[in-house]
C-alpha atoms as a PDB file:
ATOM      1  CA  MET A   1     -20.104   7.119  -6.593  1.00  0.00           C
ATOM      2  CA  ASP A   2     -16.370   7.287  -7.241  1.00  0.00           C
ATOM      3  CA  VAL A   3     -14.032   6.909  -4.284  1.00  0.00           C
ATOM      4  CA  LYS A   4     -10.386   7.896  -4.616  1.00  0.00           C
ATOM      5  CA  GLY A   5      -7.925   5.106  -3.941  1.00  0.00           C
ATOM      6  CA  GLY A   6      -5.254   5.031  -1.271  1.00  0.00           C
ATOM      7  CA  VAL A   7      -1.513   4.423  -1.079  1.00  0.00           C
ATOM      8  CA  PHE A   8      -0.270   1.510   1.010  1.00  0.00           C
ATOM      9  CA  VAL A   9       3.343   0.597   1.761  1.00  0.00           C
ATOM     10  CA  ILE A  10       4.398  -2.706   3.265  1.00  0.00           C
ATOM     11  CA  SER A  11       7.877  -3.286   4.663  1.00  0.00           C
ATOM     12  CA  ALA A  12       9.401  -6.358   6.271  1.00  0.00           C
ATOM     13  CA  PRO A  13      12.721  -8.081   6.806  1.00  0.00           C
ATOM     14  CA  SER A  14      13.570 -10.699   4.191  1.00  0.00           C
ATOM     15  CA  GLY A  15      12.056 -14.066   5.064  1.00  0.00           C
ATOM     16  CA  THR A  16       9.076 -12.710   6.991  1.00  0.00           C
ATOM     17  CA  GLY A  17       6.508 -13.964   4.472  1.00  0.00           C
ATOM     18  CA  LYS A  18       5.791 -10.628   2.848  1.00  0.00           C
ATOM     19  CA  SER A  19       5.743 -11.868  -0.770  1.00  0.00           C
ATOM     20  CA  THR A  20       3.338 -14.700   0.060  1.00  0.00           C
ATOM     21  CA  LEU A  21       0.928 -12.332   1.788  1.00  0.00           C
ATOM     22  CA  ILE A  22       1.103  -9.743  -0.988  1.00  0.00           C
ATOM     23  CA  ARG A  23       0.322 -12.319  -3.699  1.00  0.00           C
ATOM     24  CA  ARG A  24      -2.755 -13.520  -1.830  1.00  0.00           C
ATOM     25  CA  LEU A  25      -3.917  -9.985  -1.163  1.00  0.00           C
ATOM     26  CA  LEU A  26      -3.651  -9.051  -4.848  1.00  0.00           C
ATOM     27  CA  ASN A  27      -5.579 -12.172  -5.846  1.00  0.00           C
ATOM     28  CA  GLU A  28      -8.434 -11.608  -3.408  1.00  0.00           C
ATOM     29  CA  LEU A  29      -8.961  -7.848  -3.217  1.00  0.00           C
ATOM     30  CA  ASP A  30     -10.550  -5.938  -6.070  1.00  0.00           C
ATOM     31  CA  ARG A  31      -9.352  -2.440  -6.976  1.00  0.00           C
ATOM     32  CA  LEU A  32      -5.899  -3.226  -5.579  1.00  0.00           C
ATOM     33  CA  VAL A  33      -2.850  -2.901  -7.839  1.00  0.00           C
ATOM     34  CA  PHE A  34       0.802  -3.532  -7.177  1.00  0.00           C
ATOM     35  CA  SER A  35       3.123  -0.616  -7.862  1.00  0.00           C
ATOM     36  CA  VAL A  36       5.002  -0.839 -11.159  1.00  0.00           C
ATOM     37  CA  SER A  37       8.432   0.765 -10.826  1.00  0.00           C
ATOM     38  CA  PHE A  38      10.511   2.545 -13.439  1.00  0.00           C
ATOM     39  CA  THR A  39      13.963   1.041 -13.975  1.00  0.00           C
ATOM     40  CA  THR A  40      17.049   1.684 -16.056  1.00  0.00           C
ATOM     41  CA  ARG A  41      17.969  -1.999 -16.341  1.00  0.00           C
ATOM     42  CA  ARG A  42      17.178  -4.035 -19.421  1.00  0.00           C
ATOM     43  CA  PRO A  43      14.138  -6.366 -19.456  1.00  0.00           C
ATOM     44  CA  ARG A  44      14.791  -9.956 -18.539  1.00  0.00           C
ATOM     45  CA  LYS A  45      13.318 -12.854 -20.465  1.00  0.00           C
ATOM     46  CA  GLY A  46       9.538 -12.931 -20.025  1.00  0.00           C
ATOM     47  CA  GLU A  47       9.271  -9.442 -18.513  1.00  0.00           C
ATOM     48  CA  VAL A  48       6.751  -7.067 -20.084  1.00  0.00           C
ATOM     49  CA  ASP A  49       7.079  -3.293 -20.148  1.00  0.00           C
ATOM     50  CA  GLY A  50       4.291  -1.695 -18.130  1.00  0.00           C
ATOM     51  CA  ARG A  51       3.470  -4.924 -16.300  1.00  0.00           C
ATOM     52  CA  ASP A  52       6.689  -5.895 -14.540  1.00  0.00           C
ATOM     53  CA  TYR A  53       8.487  -2.546 -14.846  1.00  0.00           C
ATOM     54  CA  PHE A  54       8.536   0.571 -16.951  1.00  0.00           C
ATOM     55  CA  PHE A  55      11.866   0.161 -18.723  1.00  0.00           C
ATOM     56  CA  ILE A  56      13.542   3.496 -19.500  1.00  0.00           C
ATOM     57  CA  ASP A  57      17.084   4.654 -20.247  1.00  0.00           C
ATOM     58  CA  ASP A  58      19.317   6.752 -18.005  1.00  0.00           C
ATOM     59  CA  ALA A  59      18.467   9.989 -19.788  1.00  0.00           C
ATOM     60  CA  ALA A  60      14.734   9.473 -19.236  1.00  0.00           C
ATOM     61  CA  PHE A  61      15.334   8.590 -15.585  1.00  0.00           C
ATOM     62  CA  ASP A  62      17.464  11.720 -15.143  1.00  0.00           C
ATOM     63  CA  LYS A  63      14.689  13.823 -16.678  1.00  0.00           C
ATOM     64  CA  MET A  64      12.068  12.376 -14.314  1.00  0.00           C
ATOM     65  CA  GLN A  65      14.356  13.026 -11.350  1.00  0.00           C
ATOM     66  CA  ALA A  66      14.933  16.615 -12.401  1.00  0.00           C
ATOM     67  CA  GLU A  67      11.181  17.168 -12.717  1.00  0.00           C
ATOM     68  CA  ASN A  68      10.488  15.611  -9.290  1.00  0.00           C
ATOM     69  CA  GLY A  69       8.725  12.769 -11.054  1.00  0.00           C
ATOM     70  CA  PHE A  70       9.528  10.091  -8.483  1.00  0.00           C
ATOM     71  CA  VAL A  71       7.873   9.484  -5.147  1.00  0.00           C
ATOM     72  CA  GLU A  72      10.962   7.525  -4.163  1.00  0.00           C
ATOM     73  CA  TRP A  73      13.899   6.008  -5.973  1.00  0.00           C
ATOM     74  CA  VAL A  74      16.923   3.870  -5.194  1.00  0.00           C
ATOM     75  CA  HIS A  75      20.240   2.965  -6.820  1.00  0.00           C
ATOM     76  CA  ILE A  76      20.900  -0.793  -6.753  1.00  0.00           C
ATOM     77  CA  TYR A  77      24.225  -1.873  -8.199  1.00  0.00           C
ATOM     78  CA  LYS A  78      24.402  -0.340 -11.693  1.00  0.00           C
ATOM     79  CA  HIS A  79      20.713   0.414 -12.100  1.00  0.00           C
ATOM     80  CA  ARG A  80      18.087   2.738 -10.662  1.00  0.00           C
ATOM     81  CA  TYR A  81      14.513   2.001  -9.662  1.00  0.00           C
ATOM     82  CA  GLY A  82      11.775   4.492  -8.825  1.00  0.00           C
ATOM     83  CA  THR A  83       8.052   4.888  -8.193  1.00  0.00           C
ATOM     84  CA  GLY A  84       6.518   7.365 -10.617  1.00  0.00           C
ATOM     85  CA  ARG A  85       4.532  10.143  -9.001  1.00  0.00           C
ATOM     86  CA  ALA A  86       2.203  10.695 -11.997  1.00  0.00           C
ATOM     87  CA  TRP A  87       1.536   6.945 -12.376  1.00  0.00           C
ATOM     88  CA  LEU A  88       0.716   6.612  -8.691  1.00  0.00           C
ATOM     89  CA  GLN A  89      -1.572   9.646  -8.743  1.00  0.00           C
ATOM     90  CA  ASP A  90      -3.385   8.370 -11.838  1.00  0.00           C
ATOM     91  CA  GLN A  91      -4.068   5.000 -10.201  1.00  0.00           C
ATOM     92  CA  THR A  92      -5.532   6.512  -7.037  1.00  0.00           C
ATOM     93  CA  ASP A  93      -7.544   9.081  -9.020  1.00  0.00           C
ATOM     94  CA  HIS A  94      -9.214   6.167 -10.819  1.00  0.00           C
ATOM     95  CA  GLY A  95     -10.198   4.501  -7.543  1.00  0.00           C
ATOM     96  CA  HIS A  96      -7.386   1.956  -7.249  1.00  0.00           C
ATOM     97  CA  ASP A  97      -5.553   1.247  -4.034  1.00  0.00           C
ATOM     98  CA  VAL A  98      -1.830   0.985  -4.773  1.00  0.00           C
ATOM     99  CA  LEU A  99       0.428  -1.351  -2.792  1.00  0.00           C
ATOM    100  CA  LEU A 100       4.157  -0.647  -2.671  1.00  0.00           C
ATOM    101  CA  ASP A 101       6.748  -3.106  -1.363  1.00  0.00           C
ATOM    102  CA  LEU A 102       9.557  -0.921  -0.005  1.00  0.00           C
ATOM    103  CA  GLU A 103      12.298  -0.883   2.557  1.00  0.00           C
ATOM    104  CA  THR A 104      12.028   1.602   5.412  1.00  0.00           C
ATOM    105  CA  VAL A 105      13.896   4.431   3.658  1.00  0.00           C
ATOM    106  CA  GLY A 106      11.556   4.312   0.655  1.00  0.00           C
ATOM    107  CA  ALA A 107       8.520   4.025   2.918  1.00  0.00           C
ATOM    108  CA  MET A 108       9.479   7.222   4.744  1.00  0.00           C
ATOM    109  CA  ARG A 109       9.881   9.061   1.438  1.00  0.00           C
ATOM    110  CA  VAL A 110       6.406   7.986   0.338  1.00  0.00           C
ATOM    111  CA  LYS A 111       4.966   9.176   3.658  1.00  0.00           C
ATOM    112  CA  GLU A 112       6.598  12.578   3.181  1.00  0.00           C
ATOM    113  CA  MET A 113       5.035  13.023  -0.251  1.00  0.00           C
ATOM    114  CA  PHE A 114       1.720  11.321   0.556  1.00  0.00           C
ATOM    115  CA  PRO A 115       1.009  11.988   4.264  1.00  0.00           C
ATOM    116  CA  GLU A 116      -2.257  10.075   3.946  1.00  0.00           C
ATOM    117  CA  ALA A 117      -0.402   6.901   2.890  1.00  0.00           C
ATOM    118  CA  THR A 118      -0.832   3.861   5.133  1.00  0.00           C
ATOM    119  CA  LEU A 119       2.426   2.245   6.243  1.00  0.00           C
ATOM    120  CA  ILE A 120       2.367  -1.417   7.279  1.00  0.00           C
ATOM    121  CA  PHE A 121       5.252  -3.232   8.952  1.00  0.00           C
ATOM    122  CA  LEU A 122       5.358  -7.020   8.964  1.00  0.00           C
ATOM    123  CA  THR A 123       7.438  -8.418  11.812  1.00  0.00           C
ATOM    124  CA  PRO A 124       8.694 -11.914  12.661  1.00  0.00           C
ATOM    125  CA  PRO A 125       8.156 -13.084  16.249  1.00  0.00           C
ATOM    126  CA  SER A 126      11.902 -13.158  16.964  1.00  0.00           C
ATOM    127  CA  ALA A 127      15.356 -13.114  15.412  1.00  0.00           C
ATOM    128  CA  LYS A 128      15.626 -16.885  15.946  1.00  0.00           C
ATOM    129  CA  ALA A 129      12.328 -17.527  14.150  1.00  0.00           C
ATOM    130  CA  LEU A 130      13.498 -15.408  11.218  1.00  0.00           C
ATOM    131  CA  ALA A 131      16.865 -17.183  11.100  1.00  0.00           C
ATOM    132  CA  ASP A 132      15.080 -20.564  11.099  1.00  0.00           C
ATOM    133  CA  ARG A 133      12.880 -19.453   8.199  1.00  0.00           C
ATOM    134  CA  LEU A 134      15.863 -18.216   6.207  1.00  0.00           C
ATOM    135  CA  ARG A 135      17.730 -21.473   6.777  1.00  0.00           C
ATOM    136  CA  GLY A 136      14.616 -23.438   5.894  1.00  0.00           C
ATOM    137  CA  ARG A 137      14.438 -21.815   2.456  1.00  0.00           C
ATOM    138  CA  ARG A 138      17.865 -23.270   1.617  1.00  0.00           C
ATOM    139  CA  LYS A 139      18.601 -20.332  -0.689  1.00  0.00           C
ATOM    140  CA  ASP A 140      21.414 -18.610   1.191  1.00  0.00           C
ATOM    141  CA  THR A 141      24.757 -19.515   2.707  1.00  0.00           C
ATOM    142  CA  GLU A 142      25.222 -19.066   6.438  1.00  0.00           C
ATOM    143  CA  GLU A 143      27.209 -15.890   5.751  1.00  0.00           C
ATOM    144  CA  GLN A 144      24.384 -14.491   3.619  1.00  0.00           C
ATOM    145  CA  ILE A 145      21.854 -15.355   6.331  1.00  0.00           C
ATOM    146  CA  LEU A 146      23.889 -13.422   8.905  1.00  0.00           C
ATOM    147  CA  ILE A 147      23.965 -10.413   6.564  1.00  0.00           C
ATOM    148  CA  ARG A 148      20.186 -10.642   6.117  1.00  0.00           C
ATOM    149  CA  LEU A 149      19.711 -10.780   9.882  1.00  0.00           C
ATOM    150  CA  GLN A 150      21.871  -7.676  10.336  1.00  0.00           C
ATOM    151  CA  HIS A 151      19.805  -5.858   7.729  1.00  0.00           C
ATOM    152  CA  ALA A 152      16.606  -7.133   9.375  1.00  0.00           C
ATOM    153  CA  LYS A 153      17.696  -5.562  12.673  1.00  0.00           C
ATOM    154  CA  HIS A 154      18.194  -2.241  10.892  1.00  0.00           C
ATOM    155  CA  GLU A 155      14.703  -2.474   9.348  1.00  0.00           C
ATOM    156  CA  MET A 156      13.126  -3.497  12.663  1.00  0.00           C
ATOM    157  CA  GLU A 157      14.512  -0.402  14.363  1.00  0.00           C
ATOM    158  CA  HIS A 158      12.044   1.701  12.346  1.00  0.00           C
ATOM    159  CA  TRP A 159       8.862  -0.137  13.342  1.00  0.00           C
ATOM    160  CA  ASP A 160       7.517   2.866  15.248  1.00  0.00           C
ATOM    161  CA  SER A 161       7.312   4.943  12.055  1.00  0.00           C
ATOM    162  CA  TYR A 162       4.539   2.693  10.713  1.00  0.00           C
ATOM    163  CA  ASP A 163       0.776   2.936  11.117  1.00  0.00           C
ATOM    164  CA  HIS A 164       0.166  -0.806  11.515  1.00  0.00           C
ATOM    165  CA  ILE A 165       2.351  -3.596  12.897  1.00  0.00           C
ATOM    166  CA  ILE A 166       1.448  -7.134  11.842  1.00  0.00           C
ATOM    167  CA  LEU A 167       3.027 -10.156  13.490  1.00  0.00           C
ATOM    168  CA  ASN A 168       3.573 -13.110  11.171  1.00  0.00           C
ATOM    169  CA  ASP A 169       3.715 -15.926  13.659  1.00  0.00           C
ATOM    170  CA  ASP A 170       0.857 -17.669  11.857  1.00  0.00           C
ATOM    171  CA  LEU A 171       0.418 -17.033   8.131  1.00  0.00           C
ATOM    172  CA  GLU A 172      -3.389 -17.214   8.107  1.00  0.00           C
ATOM    173  CA  ALA A 173      -3.763 -14.890  11.089  1.00  0.00           C
ATOM    174  CA  ALA A 174      -1.262 -12.475   9.566  1.00  0.00           C
ATOM    175  CA  TYR A 175      -3.217 -12.417   6.306  1.00  0.00           C
ATOM    176  CA  ILE A 176      -6.513 -11.721   8.077  1.00  0.00           C
ATOM    177  CA  ASN A 177      -4.916  -8.815   9.926  1.00  0.00           C
ATOM    178  CA  LEU A 178      -3.306  -7.468   6.758  1.00  0.00           C
ATOM    179  CA  LYS A 179      -6.540  -7.652   4.787  1.00  0.00           C
ATOM    180  CA  SER A 180      -8.415  -5.904   7.596  1.00  0.00           C
ATOM    181  CA  VAL A 181      -6.139  -2.861   7.209  1.00  0.00           C
ATOM    182  CA  PHE A 182      -7.361  -2.415   3.632  1.00  0.00           C
ATOM    183  CA  VAL A 183     -11.006  -3.095   4.485  1.00  0.00           C
ATOM    184  CA  CYS A 184     -10.959  -0.533   7.297  1.00  0.00           C
ATOM    185  CA  ALA A 185      -9.136   2.045   5.193  1.00  0.00           C
ATOM    186  CA  ARG A 186     -11.759   1.800   2.476  1.00  0.00           C
ATOM    187  CA  THR A 187     -14.489   2.770   4.930  1.00  0.00           C
ATOM    188  CA  SER A 188     -12.541   5.487   6.726  1.00  0.00           C
ATOM    189  CA  ARG A 189     -14.188   8.869   7.279  1.00  0.00           C
ATOM    190  CA  GLU A 190     -11.575  10.594   5.128  1.00  0.00           C
ATOM    191  CA  ARG A 191     -12.264   8.394   2.102  1.00  0.00           C
ATOM    192  CA  MET A 192     -16.033   8.222   2.519  1.00  0.00           C
ATOM    193  CA  GLU A 193     -16.685  11.818   3.598  1.00  0.00           C
ATOM    194  CA  HIS A 194     -17.816  13.065   0.170  1.00  0.00           C
ATOM    195  CA  ILE A 195     -20.194  10.125  -0.204  1.00  0.00           C
ATOM    196  CA  ALA A 196     -21.788  10.707   3.204  1.00  0.00           C
ATOM    197  CA  ARG A 197     -22.140  14.409   2.431  1.00  0.00           C
ATOM    198  CA  ALA A 198     -23.687  13.674  -0.953  1.00  0.00           C
ATOM    199  CA  ALA A 199     -26.191  11.302   0.657  1.00  0.00           C
ATOM    200  CA  LEU A 200     -27.069  13.923   3.276  1.00  0.00           C
ATOM    201  CA  ASP A 201     -27.644  16.518   0.566  1.00  0.00           C
ATOM    202  CA  THR A 202     -30.392  14.335  -0.930  1.00  0.00           C
ATOM    203  CA  PHE A 203     -32.445  14.925   2.206  1.00  0.00           C
ATOM    204  CA  GLY A 204     -32.529  18.658   1.602  1.00  0.00           C
ATOM    205  CA  SER A 205     -35.998  18.683  -0.038  1.00  0.00           C
ATOM    206  CA  PHE A 206     -37.687  16.789   2.778  1.00  0.00           C
ATOM    207  CA  PRO A 207     -39.712  18.631   5.463  1.00  0.00           C
ATOM    208  CA  ASN A 208     -38.113  19.263   8.822  1.00  0.00           C
ATOM    209  CA  PRO A 209     -38.320  15.934  10.744  1.00  0.00           C
ATOM    210  CA  ALA A 210     -39.422  17.867  13.845  1.00  0.00           C
ATOM    211  CA  LEU A 211     -42.667  18.712  12.050  1.00  0.00           C
ATOM    212  CA  PHE A 212     -43.629  15.040  11.971  1.00  0.00           C
ATOM    213  CA  ALA A 213     -43.521  14.953  15.757  1.00  0.00           C
ATOM    214  CA  LEU A 214     -45.869  17.953  15.840  1.00  0.00           C
ATOM    215  CA  GLY A 215     -48.343  16.176  13.569  1.00  0.00           C
ATOM    216  CA  LYS A 216     -47.904  18.657  10.718  1.00  0.00           C
ATOM    217  CA  TYR A 217     -47.094  15.887   8.243  1.00  0.00           C
ATOM    218  CA  LYS A 218     -47.987  12.268   7.896  1.00  0.00           C
ATOM    219  CA  LEU A 219     -45.817   9.542   6.401  1.00  0.00           C
ATOM    220  CA  SER A 220     -48.517   8.948   3.776  1.00  0.00           C
ATOM    221  CA  GLN A 221     -47.765  12.394   2.362  1.00  0.00           C
ATOM    222  CA  LEU A 222     -44.236  11.311   1.479  1.00  0.00           C
ATOM    223  CA  LYS A 223     -45.569   8.394  -0.558  1.00  0.00           C
ATOM    224  CA  ASN A 224     -47.636  10.630  -2.824  1.00  0.00           C
END
């Protein structure tokens, strides 16, 4: 029987290991897709429309905005990025769980539009541990690292708006905890209710079980 998919949002300060965990999750879980955003920027070399992004012009983006076609959107430098409402709905209607990687502002917008969405916050054990990870990547200057830490503090202040908090002090343990959120969600009462009800309905033609206790029926009668 068909089960409708769910919407999942994961947020984390930069350097917390979010991208590594997401890649593994997408490789190991079936029926899980990563959200494909709409963007007004031009494709970069190797990017494919519909796989990496949906590339549209400003007029098309304006039209989608006017028609409330985005679950959330953001303006970054000269370009805009947004999650399409119709695309997201189509994915979940076809039984796919959709994973969105968003900052806290975008996550709150998704929760407003999809109250049943599951919000997951990935946290480092401490500011020092995060700073050490950022320095260990050797991608940023010390000034850039300080800016990232300031932004991380801002993101961390919203932890209590999330449904699940996952500590990434150990990558393997963090992955097990993250995966368990999806496994549990897929067997939740809300998602499985129609299947349980359908199974119960198949018992409608059977005699009242109380009659067996009274000796009115024998199990052999059910086999015939």
